[in-house]
PDB file of N, CA and C in Angstrom:
ATOM      1  N   UNK A   1      13.831  -4.246   3.544  1.00  0.00           N
ATOM      2  CA  UNK A   1      13.150  -4.362   4.962  1.00  0.00           C
ATOM      3  C   UNK A   1      12.051  -2.988   5.121  1.00  0.00           C
ATOM      4  N   UNK A   2      10.498  -3.348   5.200  1.00  0.00           N
ATOM      5  CA  UNK A   2       9.762  -2.253   4.977  1.00  0.00           C
ATOM      6  C   UNK A   2       9.885  -1.549   5.581  1.00  0.00           C
ATOM      7  N   UNK A   3       9.338  -0.058   5.427  1.00  0.00           N
ATOM      8  CA  UNK A   3       9.399   0.952   6.338  1.00  0.00           C
ATOM      9  C   UNK A   3       8.359   1.442   7.139  1.00  0.00           C
ATOM     10  N   UNK A   4       8.260   1.250   8.207  1.00  0.00           N
ATOM     11  CA  UNK A   4       7.200   1.665   9.037  1.00  0.00           C
ATOM     12  C   UNK A   4       6.573   2.914   9.074  1.00  0.00           C
ATOM     13  N   UNK A   5       7.198   3.432   8.753  1.00  0.00           N
ATOM     14  CA  UNK A   5       6.180   5.164   8.732  1.00  0.00           C
ATOM     15  C   UNK A   5       5.742   4.519   7.193  1.00  0.00           C
ATOM     16  N   UNK A   6       5.962   4.129   6.121  1.00  0.00           N
ATOM     17  CA  UNK A   6       5.403   3.881   4.696  1.00  0.00           C
ATOM     18  C   UNK A   6       3.945   2.567   5.415  1.00  0.00           C
ATOM     19  N   UNK A   7       4.079   1.833   6.466  1.00  0.00           N
ATOM     20  CA  UNK A   7       3.198   1.022   6.291  1.00  0.00           C
ATOM     21  C   UNK A   7       2.244   2.286   7.221  1.00  0.00           C
ATOM     22  N   UNK A   8       3.075   3.246   7.952  1.00  0.00           N
ATOM     23  CA  UNK A   8       1.682   4.225   8.650  1.00  0.00           C
ATOM     24  C   UNK A   8       1.009   4.989   7.257  1.00  0.00           C
ATOM     25  N   UNK A   9       1.830   5.334   6.187  1.00  0.00           N
ATOM     26  CA  UNK A   9       1.050   6.282   5.256  1.00  0.00           C
ATOM     27  C   UNK A   9      -0.278   4.956   4.981  1.00  0.00           C
ATOM     28  N   UNK A  10       0.138   3.912   4.394  1.00  0.00           N
ATOM     29  CA  UNK A  10      -0.732   3.242   4.297  1.00  0.00           C
ATOM     30  C   UNK A  10      -2.070   2.546   4.906  1.00  0.00           C
ATOM     31  N   UNK A  11      -1.929   2.614   6.169  1.00  0.00           N
ATOM     32  CA  UNK A  11      -2.995   2.576   7.082  1.00  0.00           C
ATOM     33  C   UNK A  11      -3.955   4.038   6.558  1.00  0.00           C
ATOM     34  N   UNK A  12      -3.205   5.233   6.922  1.00  0.00           N
ATOM     35  CA  UNK A  12      -3.703   6.376   6.862  1.00  0.00           C
ATOM     36  C   UNK A  12      -4.838   6.563   5.273  1.00  0.00           C
ATOM     37  N   UNK A  13      -4.043   6.029   4.154  1.00  0.00           N
ATOM     38  CA  UNK A  13      -4.732   5.930   2.776  1.00  0.00           C
ATOM     39  C   UNK A  13      -5.895   5.189   2.571  1.00  0.00           C
ATOM     40  N   UNK A  14      -5.715   3.905   3.660  1.00  0.00           N
ATOM     41  CA  UNK A  14      -6.696   3.077   3.784  1.00  0.00           C
ATOM     42  C   UNK A  14      -7.960   3.449   4.231  1.00  0.00           C
ATOM     43  N   UNK A  15      -7.804   4.009   5.157  1.00  0.00           N
ATOM     44  CA  UNK A  15      -8.766   4.738   6.256  1.00  0.00           C
ATOM     45  C   UNK A  15      -9.796   6.137   5.088  1.00  0.00           C
ATOM     46  N   UNK A  16      -8.842   6.638   4.744  1.00  0.00           N
ATOM     47  CA  UNK A  16      -8.556   8.029   4.255  1.00  0.00           C
ATOM     48  C   UNK A  16      -9.872   7.740   2.481  1.00  0.00           C
ATOM     49  N   UNK A  17      -9.226   6.304   1.762  1.00  0.00           N
ATOM     50  CA  UNK A  17      -9.543   6.407   0.620  1.00  0.00           C
ATOM     51  C   UNK A  17      -9.199   7.744  -0.258  1.00  0.00           C
ATOM     52  N   UNK A  18      -7.905   8.276  -0.091  1.00  0.00           N
ATOM     53  CA  UNK A  18      -7.665   8.905  -1.393  1.00  0.00           C
ATOM     54  C   UNK A  18      -6.107   9.416  -0.770  1.00  0.00           C
ATOM     55  N   UNK A  19      -5.066   9.706  -1.499  1.00  0.00           N
ATOM     56  CA  UNK A  19      -3.955  10.155  -1.498  1.00  0.00           C
ATOM     57  C   UNK A  19      -3.910  11.139  -0.967  1.00  0.00           C
ATOM     58  N   UNK A  20      -4.636  12.387  -1.618  1.00  0.00           N
ATOM     59  CA  UNK A  20      -5.041  13.572  -0.810  1.00  0.00           C
ATOM     60  C   UNK A  20      -5.395  13.448   0.225  1.00  0.00           C
ATOM     61  N   UNK A  21      -6.642  13.111   0.517  1.00  0.00           N
ATOM     62  CA  UNK A  21      -6.974  13.107   1.801  1.00  0.00           C
ATOM     63  C   UNK A  21      -6.126  12.523   3.228  1.00  0.00           C
ATOM     64  N   UNK A  22      -5.072  11.556   3.041  1.00  0.00           N
ATOM     65  CA  UNK A  22      -4.088  11.324   3.761  1.00  0.00           C
ATOM     66  C   UNK A  22      -3.231  12.154   3.454  1.00  0.00           C
ATOM     67  N   UNK A  23      -3.026  12.990   2.607  1.00  0.00           N
ATOM     68  CA  UNK A  23      -1.956  14.103   2.608  1.00  0.00           C
ATOM     69  C   UNK A  23      -2.444  14.644   3.555  1.00  0.00           C
ATOM     70  N   UNK A  24      -3.649  15.436   3.596  1.00  0.00           N
ATOM     71  CA  UNK A  24      -3.793  16.320   4.687  1.00  0.00           C
ATOM     72  C   UNK A  24      -4.087  15.998   6.194  1.00  0.00           C
ATOM     73  N   UNK A  25      -4.363  14.881   6.697  1.00  0.00           N
ATOM     74  CA  UNK A  25      -3.882  13.975   7.910  1.00  0.00           C
ATOM     75  C   UNK A  25      -2.775  13.879   8.372  1.00  0.00           C
ATOM     76  N   UNK A  26      -1.529  13.683   6.912  1.00  0.00           N
ATOM     77  CA  UNK A  26       0.131  13.588   7.553  1.00  0.00           C
ATOM     78  C   UNK A  26       0.805  14.737   7.532  1.00  0.00           C
ATOM     79  N   UNK A  27       0.010  15.803   7.056  1.00  0.00           N
ATOM     80  CA  UNK A  27       0.358  17.295   6.793  1.00  0.00           C
ATOM     81  C   UNK A  27       1.949  16.552   5.828  1.00  0.00           C
ATOM     82  N   UNK A  28       1.347  15.813   4.578  1.00  0.00           N
ATOM     83  CA  UNK A  28       2.134  15.877   3.595  1.00  0.00           C
ATOM     84  C   UNK A  28       1.237  16.058   2.310  1.00  0.00           C
ATOM     85  N   UNK A  29       2.286  16.711   0.996  1.00  0.00           N
ATOM     86  CA  UNK A  29       1.841  16.703  -0.150  1.00  0.00           C
ATOM     87  C   UNK A  29       1.285  15.270  -0.423  1.00  0.00           C
ATOM     88  N   UNK A  30       0.153  15.355  -1.129  1.00  0.00           N
ATOM     89  CA  UNK A  30      -0.258  13.976  -2.388  1.00  0.00           C
ATOM     90  C   UNK A  30       0.779  13.646  -3.081  1.00  0.00           C
ATOM     91  N   UNK A  31       2.058  13.954  -3.811  1.00  0.00           N
ATOM     92  CA  UNK A  31       3.030  13.384  -4.306  1.00  0.00           C
ATOM     93  C   UNK A  31       3.887  12.459  -3.563  1.00  0.00           C
ATOM     94  N   UNK A  32       3.900  13.273  -2.226  1.00  0.00           N
ATOM     95  CA  UNK A  32       4.775  12.432  -1.451  1.00  0.00           C
ATOM     96  C   UNK A  32       4.275  11.178  -0.670  1.00  0.00           C
ATOM     97  N   UNK A  33       2.778  10.956  -0.409  1.00  0.00           N
ATOM     98  CA  UNK A  33       2.132  10.018  -0.331  1.00  0.00           C
ATOM     99  C   UNK A  33       1.857   8.926  -0.941  1.00  0.00           C
ATOM    100  N   UNK A  34       1.724   9.395  -2.312  1.00  0.00           N
ATOM    101  CA  UNK A  34       1.583   9.035  -3.768  1.00  0.00           C
ATOM    102  C   UNK A  34       3.230   7.650  -3.661  1.00  0.00           C
ATOM    103  N   UNK A  35       3.966   8.795  -3.421  1.00  0.00           N
ATOM    104  CA  UNK A  35       5.790   7.920  -3.288  1.00  0.00           C
ATOM    105  C   UNK A  35       5.749   7.001  -2.145  1.00  0.00           C
ATOM    106  N   UNK A  36       5.709   7.700  -1.111  1.00  0.00           N
ATOM    107  CA  UNK A  36       5.254   6.390   0.064  1.00  0.00           C
ATOM    108  C   UNK A  36       5.013   5.215  -0.513  1.00  0.00           C
ATOM    109  N   UNK A  37       4.019   5.293  -0.945  1.00  0.00           N
ATOM    110  CA  UNK A  37       2.890   4.026  -1.305  1.00  0.00           C
ATOM    111  C   UNK A  37       3.541   3.385  -2.276  1.00  0.00           C
ATOM    112  N   UNK A  38       4.189   4.209  -3.270  1.00  0.00           N
ATOM    113  CA  UNK A  38       5.070   2.960  -4.562  1.00  0.00           C
ATOM    114  C   UNK A  38       6.221   2.682  -3.961  1.00  0.00           C
ATOM    115  N   UNK A  39       6.679   2.903  -3.375  1.00  0.00           N
ATOM    116  CA  UNK A  39       7.882   2.410  -2.766  1.00  0.00           C
ATOM    117  C   UNK A  39       8.128   1.406  -1.553  1.00  0.00           C
ATOM    118  N   UNK A  40       5.961   1.154  -1.007  1.00  0.00           N
ATOM    119  CA  UNK A  40       6.205   0.124  -0.314  1.00  0.00           C
ATOM    120  C   UNK A  40       5.296  -0.997  -0.966  1.00  0.00           C
ATOM    121  N   UNK A  41       4.617  -0.259  -2.056  1.00  0.00           N
ATOM    122  CA  UNK A  41       4.546  -1.848  -2.919  1.00  0.00           C
ATOM    123  C   UNK A  41       5.585  -2.247  -3.763  1.00  0.00           C
ATOM    124  N   UNK A  42       6.723  -1.653  -4.222  1.00  0.00           N
ATOM    125  CA  UNK A  42       8.068  -2.031  -4.537  1.00  0.00           C
ATOM    126  C   UNK A  42       8.430  -2.951  -3.955  1.00  0.00           C
ATOM    127  N   UNK A  43       8.764  -2.451  -2.349  1.00  0.00           N
ATOM    128  CA  UNK A  43       9.202  -3.480  -1.794  1.00  0.00           C
ATOM    129  C   UNK A  43       8.355  -4.919  -1.114  1.00  0.00           C
ATOM    130  N   UNK A  44       6.916  -5.037  -1.429  1.00  0.00           N
ATOM    131  CA  UNK A  44       6.507  -5.728  -1.390  1.00  0.00           C
ATOM    132  C   UNK A  44       5.984  -6.741  -2.444  1.00  0.00           C
ATOM    133  N   UNK A  45       6.465  -6.068  -3.465  1.00  0.00           N
ATOM    134  CA  UNK A  45       6.519  -6.707  -4.862  1.00  0.00           C
ATOM    135  C   UNK A  45       5.094  -6.729  -5.350  1.00  0.00           C
ATOM    136  N   UNK A  46       4.121  -6.219  -4.948  1.00  0.00           N
ATOM    137  CA  UNK A  46       2.427  -6.106  -5.157  1.00  0.00           C
ATOM    138  C   UNK A  46       1.794  -4.761  -5.306  1.00  0.00           C
ATOM    139  N   UNK A  47       0.794  -4.441  -5.840  1.00  0.00           N
ATOM    140  CA  UNK A  47       0.253  -3.487  -5.864  1.00  0.00           C
ATOM    141  C   UNK A  47      -1.062  -3.493  -4.685  1.00  0.00           C
ATOM    142  N   UNK A  48      -0.954  -2.298  -3.760  1.00  0.00           N
ATOM    143  CA  UNK A  48      -1.535  -2.763  -2.726  1.00  0.00           C
ATOM    144  C   UNK A  48      -3.311  -1.785  -3.103  1.00  0.00           C
ATOM    145  N   UNK A  49      -3.180  -0.739  -3.977  1.00  0.00           N
ATOM    146  CA  UNK A  49      -4.363   0.230  -4.531  1.00  0.00           C
ATOM    147  C   UNK A  49      -4.642  -0.011  -5.741  1.00  0.00           C
ATOM    148  N   UNK A  50      -6.068  -0.169  -5.786  1.00  0.00           N
ATOM    149  CA  UNK A  50      -6.804   0.445  -7.390  1.00  0.00           C
ATOM    150  C   UNK A  50      -6.330   2.093  -7.022  1.00  0.00           C
ATOM    151  N   UNK A  51      -5.772   2.732  -8.081  1.00  0.00           N
ATOM    152  CA  UNK A  51      -6.021   4.037  -8.478  1.00  0.00           C
ATOM    153  C   UNK A  51      -7.397   4.219  -9.376  1.00  0.00           C
ATOM    154  N   UNK A  52      -7.987   5.421  -8.559  1.00  0.00           N
ATOM    155  CA  UNK A  52      -9.408   6.080  -9.691  1.00  0.00           C
ATOM    156  C   UNK A  52      -9.385   7.028  -9.792  1.00  0.00           C
ATOM    157  N   UNK A  53     -10.168   7.864 -10.511  1.00  0.00           N
ATOM    158  CA  UNK A  53     -10.772   9.149 -10.069  1.00  0.00           C
ATOM    159  C   UNK A  53     -10.982   9.566  -9.089  1.00  0.00           C
ATOM    160  N   UNK A  54     -12.250   8.786  -8.298  1.00  0.00           N
ATOM    161  CA  UNK A  54     -12.644   9.297  -7.126  1.00  0.00           C
ATOM    162  C   UNK A  54     -11.891   9.109  -5.965  1.00  0.00           C
ATOM    163  N   UNK A  55     -10.641   8.454  -5.920  1.00  0.00           N
ATOM    164  CA  UNK A  55      -9.595   7.617  -4.843  1.00  0.00           C
ATOM    165  C   UNK A  55      -9.240   6.432  -5.189  1.00  0.00           C
ATOM    166  N   UNK A  56      -8.442   5.563  -4.079  1.00  0.00           N
ATOM    167  CA  UNK A  56      -8.614   4.060  -4.285  1.00  0.00           C
ATOM    168  C   UNK A  56      -8.991   3.512  -3.328  1.00  0.00           C
ATOM    169  N   UNK A  57      -8.931   2.243  -3.789  1.00  0.00           N
ATOM    170  CA  UNK A  57      -9.736   1.197  -2.902  1.00  0.00           C
ATOM    171  C   UNK A  57      -8.683   0.002  -3.385  1.00  0.00           C
ATOM    172  N   UNK A  58      -8.683  -0.867  -1.909  1.00  0.00           N
ATOM    173  CA  UNK A  58      -7.510  -1.864  -1.681  1.00  0.00           C
ATOM    174  C   UNK A  58      -7.529  -2.897  -2.813  1.00  0.00           C
ATOM    175  N   UNK A  59      -6.384  -3.627  -3.111  1.00  0.00           N
ATOM    176  CA  UNK A  59      -6.444  -4.136  -4.085  1.00  0.00           C
ATOM    177  C   UNK A  59      -6.788  -5.721  -2.737  1.00  0.00           C
ATOM    178  N   UNK A  60      -6.310  -6.891  -3.555  1.00  0.00           N
ATOM    179  CA  UNK A  60      -6.186  -8.258  -2.677  1.00  0.00           C
ATOM    180  C   UNK A  60      -5.232  -8.435  -2.106  1.00  0.00           C
ATOM    181  N   UNK A  61      -4.270  -7.532  -2.233  1.00  0.00           N
ATOM    182  CA  UNK A  61      -2.801  -7.893  -1.109  1.00  0.00           C
ATOM    183  C   UNK A  61      -3.079  -6.798  -0.219  1.00  0.00           C
ATOM    184  N   UNK A  62      -4.078  -5.806  -0.529  1.00  0.00           N
ATOM    185  CA  UNK A  62      -3.650  -4.343   0.571  1.00  0.00           C
ATOM    186  C   UNK A  62      -4.866  -5.137   1.240  1.00  0.00           C
ATOM    187  N   UNK A  63      -5.790  -5.313   0.806  1.00  0.00           N
ATOM    188  CA  UNK A  63      -6.756  -5.974   2.008  1.00  0.00           C
ATOM    189  C   UNK A  63      -6.318  -7.287   2.926  1.00  0.00           C
ATOM    190  N   UNK A  64      -5.053  -8.078   2.661  1.00  0.00           N
ATOM    191  CA  UNK A  64      -4.838  -8.397   3.744  1.00  0.00           C
ATOM    192  C   UNK A  64      -3.373  -8.215   4.114  1.00  0.00           C
ATOM    193  N   UNK A  65      -3.246  -6.807   3.850  1.00  0.00           N
ATOM    194  CA  UNK A  65      -2.110  -6.167   4.409  1.00  0.00           C
ATOM    195  C   UNK A  65      -2.769  -5.375   5.748  1.00  0.00           C
ATOM    196  N   UNK A  66      -4.214  -5.064   5.111  1.00  0.00           N
ATOM    197  CA  UNK A  66      -5.014  -4.279   5.317  1.00  0.00           C
ATOM    198  C   UNK A  66      -5.607  -5.215   7.021  1.00  0.00           C
ATOM    199  N   UNK A  67      -5.757  -6.346   6.731  1.00  0.00           N
ATOM    200  CA  UNK A  67      -6.751  -7.042   8.140  1.00  0.00           C
ATOM    201  C   UNK A  67      -5.053  -7.727   8.764  1.00  0.00           C
ATOM    202  N   UNK A  68      -4.167  -7.847   8.669  1.00  0.00           N
ATOM    203  CA  UNK A  68      -2.730  -8.221   9.612  1.00  0.00           C
ATOM    204  C   UNK A  68      -2.636  -6.916  10.180  1.00  0.00           C
ATOM    205  N   UNK A  69      -3.155  -5.674   9.652  1.00  0.00           N
ATOM    206  CA  UNK A  69      -3.137  -4.349  10.733  1.00  0.00           C
ATOM    207  C   UNK A  69      -4.149  -4.593  11.724  1.00  0.00           C
ATOM    208  N   UNK A  70      -5.409  -5.008  11.213  1.00  0.00           N
ATOM    209  CA  UNK A  70      -6.604  -5.101  11.915  1.00  0.00           C
ATOM    210  C   UNK A  70      -6.675  -6.144  13.451  1.00  0.00           C
ATOM    211  N   UNK A  71      -5.449  -7.116  13.001  1.00  0.00           N
ATOM    212  CA  UNK A  71      -5.394  -8.070  14.523  1.00  0.00           C
ATOM    213  C   UNK A  71      -4.937  -7.100  15.400  1.00  0.00           C
ATOM    214  N   UNK A  72      -3.936  -6.186  15.028  1.00  0.00           N
ATOM    215  CA  UNK A  72      -3.260  -5.150  16.805  1.00  0.00           C
ATOM    216  C   UNK A  72      -3.625  -3.846  16.417  1.00  0.00           C
ATOM    217  N   UNK A  73      -4.655  -3.606  15.379  1.00  0.00           N
ATOM    218  CA  UNK A  73      -4.815  -2.257  15.535  1.00  0.00           C
ATOM    219  C   UNK A  73      -5.800  -1.778  16.142  1.00  0.00           C
ATOM    220  N   UNK A  74      -6.894  -2.854  16.334  1.00  0.00           N
ATOM    221  CA  UNK A  74      -8.550  -2.128  17.235  1.00  0.00           C
ATOM    222  C   UNK A  74      -8.301  -2.162  19.085  1.00  0.00           C
ATOM    223  N   UNK A  75      -8.583  -0.698  19.106  1.00  0.00           N
ATOM    224  CA  UNK A  75      -8.437   0.061  20.283  1.00  0.00           C
ATOM    225  C   UNK A  75      -6.969   0.736  20.602  1.00  0.00           C
ATOM    226  N   UNK A  76      -6.050   0.665  19.340  1.00  0.00           N
ATOM    227  CA  UNK A  76      -4.953   1.627  19.060  1.00  0.00           C
ATOM    228  C   UNK A  76      -5.332   3.101  19.359  1.00  0.00           C
ATOM    229  N   UNK A  77      -6.723   3.415  17.823  1.00  0.00           N
ATOM    230  CA  UNK A  77      -6.906   4.778  17.957  1.00  0.00           C
ATOM    231  C   UNK A  77      -7.480   5.073  19.098  1.00  0.00           C
ATOM    232  N   UNK A  78      -8.442   4.489  19.950  1.00  0.00           N
ATOM    233  CA  UNK A  78      -8.771   4.879  21.012  1.00  0.00           C
ATOM    234  C   UNK A  78      -7.564   5.441  22.236  1.00  0.00           C
ATOM    235  N   UNK A  79      -6.990   4.144  22.487  1.00  0.00           N
ATOM    236  CA  UNK A  79      -5.672   4.727  23.218  1.00  0.00           C
ATOM    237  C   UNK A  79      -4.936   5.873  22.897  1.00  0.00           C
ATOM    238  N   UNK A  80      -4.788   6.141  21.716  1.00  0.00           N
ATOM    239  CA  UNK A  80      -3.610   7.540  21.226  1.00  0.00           C
ATOM    240  C   UNK A  80      -4.630   8.502  21.251  1.00  0.00           C
ATOM    241  N   UNK A  81      -6.170   8.500  20.733  1.00  0.00           N
ATOM    242  CA  UNK A  81      -6.491   9.715  21.215  1.00  0.00           C
ATOM    243  C   UNK A  81      -6.944  10.021  22.910  1.00  0.00           C
ATOM    244  N   UNK A  82      -7.285   9.272  23.999  1.00  0.00           N
ATOM    245  CA  UNK A  82      -7.088   8.888  25.135  1.00  0.00           C
ATOM    246  C   UNK A  82      -5.556   9.422  25.498  1.00  0.00           C
ATOM    247  N   UNK A  83      -4.508   9.046  25.230  1.00  0.00           N
ATOM    248  CA  UNK A  83      -3.560   9.730  25.573  1.00  0.00           C
ATOM    249  C   UNK A  83      -3.031  11.020  25.393  1.00  0.00           C
ATOM    250  N   UNK A  84      -3.282  11.267  24.372  1.00  0.00           N
ATOM    251  CA  UNK A  84      -2.956  12.796  23.590  1.00  0.00           C
ATOM    252  C   UNK A  84      -3.982  13.690  24.380  1.00  0.00           C
ATOM    253  N   UNK A  85      -5.441  13.703  24.674  1.00  0.00           N
ATOM    254  CA  UNK A  85      -6.571  14.095  25.821  1.00  0.00           C
ATOM    255  C   UNK A  85      -5.688  14.221  26.724  1.00  0.00           C
ATOM    256  N   UNK A  86      -5.687  13.253  27.419  1.00  0.00           N
ATOM    257  CA  UNK A  86      -5.365  13.099  29.148  1.00  0.00           C
ATOM    258  C   UNK A  86      -3.854  14.027  29.418  1.00  0.00           C
ATOM    259  N   UNK A  87      -3.238  14.265  28.390  1.00  0.00           N
ATOM    260  CA  UNK A  87      -1.687  15.037  27.918  1.00  0.00           C
ATOM    261  C   UNK A  87      -2.059  16.319  27.785  1.00  0.00           C
ATOM    262  N   UNK A  88      -3.559  16.968  27.556  1.00  0.00           N
ATOM    263  CA  UNK A  88      -3.722  18.079  27.588  1.00  0.00           C
ATOM    264  C   UNK A  88      -3.373  19.312  26.469  1.00  0.00           C
ATOM    265  N   UNK A  89      -3.040  18.072  25.512  1.00  0.00           N
ATOM    266  CA  UNK A  89      -2.174  18.806  24.310  1.00  0.00           C
ATOM    267  C   UNK A  89      -3.247  19.761  23.211  1.00  0.00           C
ATOM    268  N   UNK A  90      -2.641  21.368  22.872  1.00  0.00           N
ATOM    269  CA  UNK A  90      -3.401  21.686  22.761  1.00  0.00           C
ATOM    270  C   UNK A  90      -3.735  21.148  20.905  1.00  0.00           C
ATOM    271  N   UNK A  91      -4.736  21.428  20.144  1.00  0.00           N
ATOM    272  CA  UNK A  91      -5.523  21.400  19.436  1.00  0.00           C
ATOM    273  C   UNK A  91      -4.303  21.487  17.971  1.00  0.00           C
ATOM    274  N   UNK A  92      -3.856  22.658  18.143  1.00  0.00           N
ATOM    275  CA  UNK A  92      -2.692  22.799  16.988  1.00  0.00           C
ATOM    276  C   UNK A  92      -1.821  21.607  16.754  1.00  0.00           C
ATOM    277  N   UNK A  93      -1.428  21.154  18.091  1.00  0.00           N
ATOM    278  CA  UNK A  93      -0.645  20.026  17.969  1.00  0.00           C
ATOM    279  C   UNK A  93      -0.528  18.741  18.028  1.00  0.00           C
ATOM    280  N   UNK A  94      -1.857  18.356  18.275  1.00  0.00           N
ATOM    281  CA  UNK A  94      -2.735  16.736  18.712  1.00  0.00           C
ATOM    282  C   UNK A  94      -2.486  16.196  17.313  1.00  0.00           C
ATOM    283  N   UNK A  95      -2.415  16.780  16.085  1.00  0.00           N
ATOM    284  CA  UNK A  95      -2.243  15.786  14.911  1.00  0.00           C
ATOM    285  C   UNK A  95      -0.547  15.305  14.940  1.00  0.00           C
ATOM    286  N   UNK A  96      -0.001  16.179  15.261  1.00  0.00           N
ATOM    287  CA  UNK A  96       1.386  16.099  15.302  1.00  0.00           C
ATOM    288  C   UNK A  96       1.868  14.841  16.372  1.00  0.00           C
ATOM    289  N   UNK A  97       1.296  15.007  17.724  1.00  0.00           N
ATOM    290  CA  UNK A  97       1.638  13.822  18.196  1.00  0.00           C
ATOM    291  C   UNK A  97       1.112  12.534  18.315  1.00  0.00           C
ATOM    292  N   UNK A  98      -0.108  13.509  18.029  1.00  0.00           N
ATOM    293  CA  UNK A  98      -0.672  11.504  17.234  1.00  0.00           C
ATOM    294  C   UNK A  98      -0.143  11.065  16.182  1.00  0.00           C
ATOM    295  N   UNK A  99       0.547  11.764  14.884  1.00  0.00           N
ATOM    296  CA  UNK A  99       1.416  11.016  14.422  1.00  0.00           C
ATOM    297  C   UNK A  99       2.912  10.268  14.738  1.00  0.00           C
ATOM    298  N   UNK A 100       3.106  11.447  15.309  1.00  0.00           N
ATOM    299  CA  UNK A 100       4.563  10.555  16.751  1.00  0.00           C
ATOM    300  C   UNK A 100       3.919   9.134  17.549  1.00  0.00           C
ATOM    301  N   UNK A 101       3.003   9.523  18.113  1.00  0.00           N
ATOM    302  CA  UNK A 101       2.333   7.826  18.836  1.00  0.00           C
ATOM    303  C   UNK A 101       2.055   7.314  18.000  1.00  0.00           C
ATOM    304  N   UNK A 102       1.643   7.468  16.512  1.00  0.00           N
ATOM    305  CA  UNK A 102       0.949   6.682  15.875  1.00  0.00           C
ATOM    306  C   UNK A 102       2.085   5.559  15.106  1.00  0.00           C
ATOM    307  N   UNK A 103       3.357   6.193  14.958  1.00  0.00           N
ATOM    308  CA  UNK A 103       4.514   5.877  14.485  1.00  0.00           C
ATOM    309  C   UNK A 103       5.261   5.079  15.533  1.00  0.00           C
ATOM    310  N   UNK A 104       5.028   5.258  17.250  1.00  0.00           N
ATOM    311  CA  UNK A 104       5.802   4.538  18.576  1.00  0.00           C
ATOM    312  C   UNK A 104       5.061   3.311  18.167  1.00  0.00           C
ATOM    313  N   UNK A 105       3.414   3.380  17.861  1.00  0.00           N
ATOM    314  CA  UNK A 105       2.462   2.245  18.167  1.00  0.00           C
ATOM    315  C   UNK A 105       2.906   1.225  17.152  1.00  0.00           C
ATOM    316  N   UNK A 106       3.419   2.036  15.866  1.00  0.00           N
ATOM    317  CA  UNK A 106       3.311   0.674  14.892  1.00  0.00           C
ATOM    318  C   UNK A 106       3.993   0.097  15.216  1.00  0.00           C
ATOM    319  N   UNK A 107       5.933   0.682  15.212  1.00  0.00           N
ATOM    320  CA  UNK A 107       6.879   0.129  16.167  1.00  0.00           C
ATOM    321  C   UNK A 107       7.083  -1.110  16.539  1.00  0.00           C
ATOM    322  N   UNK A 108       6.058  -0.868  17.898  1.00  0.00           N
ATOM    323  CA  UNK A 108       6.091  -2.253  18.745  1.00  0.00           C
ATOM    324  C   UNK A 108       4.748  -2.812  18.294  1.00  0.00           C
ATOM    325  N   UNK A 109       3.977  -2.358  17.752  1.00  0.00           N
ATOM    326  CA  UNK A 109       2.698  -3.516  17.339  1.00  0.00           C
ATOM    327  C   UNK A 109       3.401  -4.433  15.851  1.00  0.00           C
ATOM    328  N   UNK A 110       4.367  -3.879  15.162  1.00  0.00           N
ATOM    329  CA  UNK A 110       5.313  -4.511  13.794  1.00  0.00           C
ATOM    330  C   UNK A 110       5.959  -5.483  15.025  1.00  0.00           C
ATOM    331  N   UNK A 111       6.600  -5.591  15.917  1.00  0.00           N
ATOM    332  CA  UNK A 111       7.526  -5.983  16.324  1.00  0.00           C
ATOM    333  C   UNK A 111       6.634  -7.428  16.805  1.00  0.00           C
ATOM    334  N   UNK A 112       5.456  -7.376  17.683  1.00  0.00           N
ATOM    335  CA  UNK A 112       4.560  -8.241  17.642  1.00  0.00           C
ATOM    336  C   UNK A 112       3.903  -8.960  16.570  1.00  0.00           C
ATOM    337  N   UNK A 113       3.767  -8.375  15.472  1.00  0.00           N
ATOM    338  CA  UNK A 113       3.423  -8.751  14.345  1.00  0.00           C
ATOM    339  C   UNK A 113       4.402 -10.001  14.166  1.00  0.00           C
ATOM    340  N   UNK A 114       5.950  -9.821  13.577  1.00  0.00           N
ATOM    341  CA  UNK A 114       7.097  -9.983  13.098  1.00  0.00           C
ATOM    342  C   UNK A 114       6.816 -11.611  14.318  1.00  0.00           C
ATOM    343  N   UNK A 115       6.856 -11.427  15.201  1.00  0.00           N
ATOM    344  CA  UNK A 115       7.304 -12.330  16.452  1.00  0.00           C
ATOM    345  C   UNK A 115       6.060 -13.338  16.106  1.00  0.00           C
ATOM    346  N   UNK A 116       5.134 -12.685  16.180  1.00  0.00           N
ATOM    347  CA  UNK A 116       3.362 -14.353  15.813  1.00  0.00           C
ATOM    348  C   UNK A 116       3.648 -14.436  14.412  1.00  0.00           C
ATOM    349  N   UNK A 117       4.064 -14.236  13.580  1.00  0.00           N
ATOM    350  CA  UNK A 117       4.740 -14.982  12.181  1.00  0.00           C
ATOM    351  C   UNK A 117       5.833 -15.582  12.395  1.00  0.00           C
ATOM    352  N   UNK A 118       6.656 -15.186  13.176  1.00  0.00           N
ATOM    353  CA  UNK A 118       7.658 -16.178  13.588  1.00  0.00           C
ATOM    354  C   UNK A 118       6.929 -17.580  14.114  1.00  0.00           C
ATOM    355  N   UNK A 119       6.538 -17.089  15.184  1.00  0.00           N
ATOM    356  CA  UNK A 119       6.183 -18.046  16.010  1.00  0.00           C
ATOM    357  C   UNK A 119       4.921 -19.258  15.101  1.00  0.00           C
ATOM    358  N   UNK A 120       4.143 -18.961  14.346  1.00  0.00           N
ATOM    359  CA  UNK A 120       3.192 -19.559  13.359  1.00  0.00           C
ATOM    360  C   UNK A 120       4.075 -20.388  12.455  1.00  0.00           C
ATOM    361  N   UNK A 121       4.831 -19.644  11.749  1.00  0.00           N
ATOM    362  CA  UNK A 121       5.776 -20.865  10.960  1.00  0.00           C
ATOM    363  C   UNK A 121       6.846 -21.658  11.655  1.00  0.00           C
ATOM    364  N   UNK A 122       7.303 -21.322  12.949  1.00  0.00           N
ATOM    365  CA  UNK A 122       8.123 -22.239  14.034  1.00  0.00           C
ATOM    366  C   UNK A 122       6.894 -23.573  14.147  1.00  0.00           C
ATOM    367  N   UNK A 123       6.062 -23.126  14.351  1.00  0.00           N
ATOM    368  CA  UNK A 123       4.826 -24.514  14.574  1.00  0.00           C
ATOM    369  C   UNK A 123       4.439 -24.919  13.572  1.00  0.00           C
ATOM    370  N   UNK A 124       4.159 -24.395  12.342  1.00  0.00           N
ATOM    371  CA  UNK A 124       4.234 -25.270  11.217  1.00  0.00           C
ATOM    372  C   UNK A 124       5.333 -25.736  10.671  1.00  0.00           C
ATOM    373  N   UNK A 125       6.414 -26.107  10.697  1.00  0.00           N
ATOM    374  CA  UNK A 125       7.714 -26.224  10.535  1.00  0.00           C
ATOM    375  C   UNK A 125       8.105 -27.881  11.936  1.00  0.00           C
TER     376      UNK A 125
END
């Protein structure tokens, strides 16, 4: 089973373009980010990133996973930022609160994607 936290790490790495930059955003070390991605790649049975000296780029499989994320991800960042702003959360806590909200959002969004995939599979059979 895929860990939603690892999907969140994937999303941040894909946006940041490097494990180090993603680690700074997630408040994790670079080796911890790398381990999350390696675990996700192992669970999916494919490489998601091409690692290079200047960062990472998505493989074809990584692009497909990112495309699935984008199906339900547009607007989520705006919604989460608006939520943090409307709660009046101090800047020093905003990253923590954003990470918690992203994990919650990813949980419900993944349920939706799984539902849609099952629905599509049922329609094709």
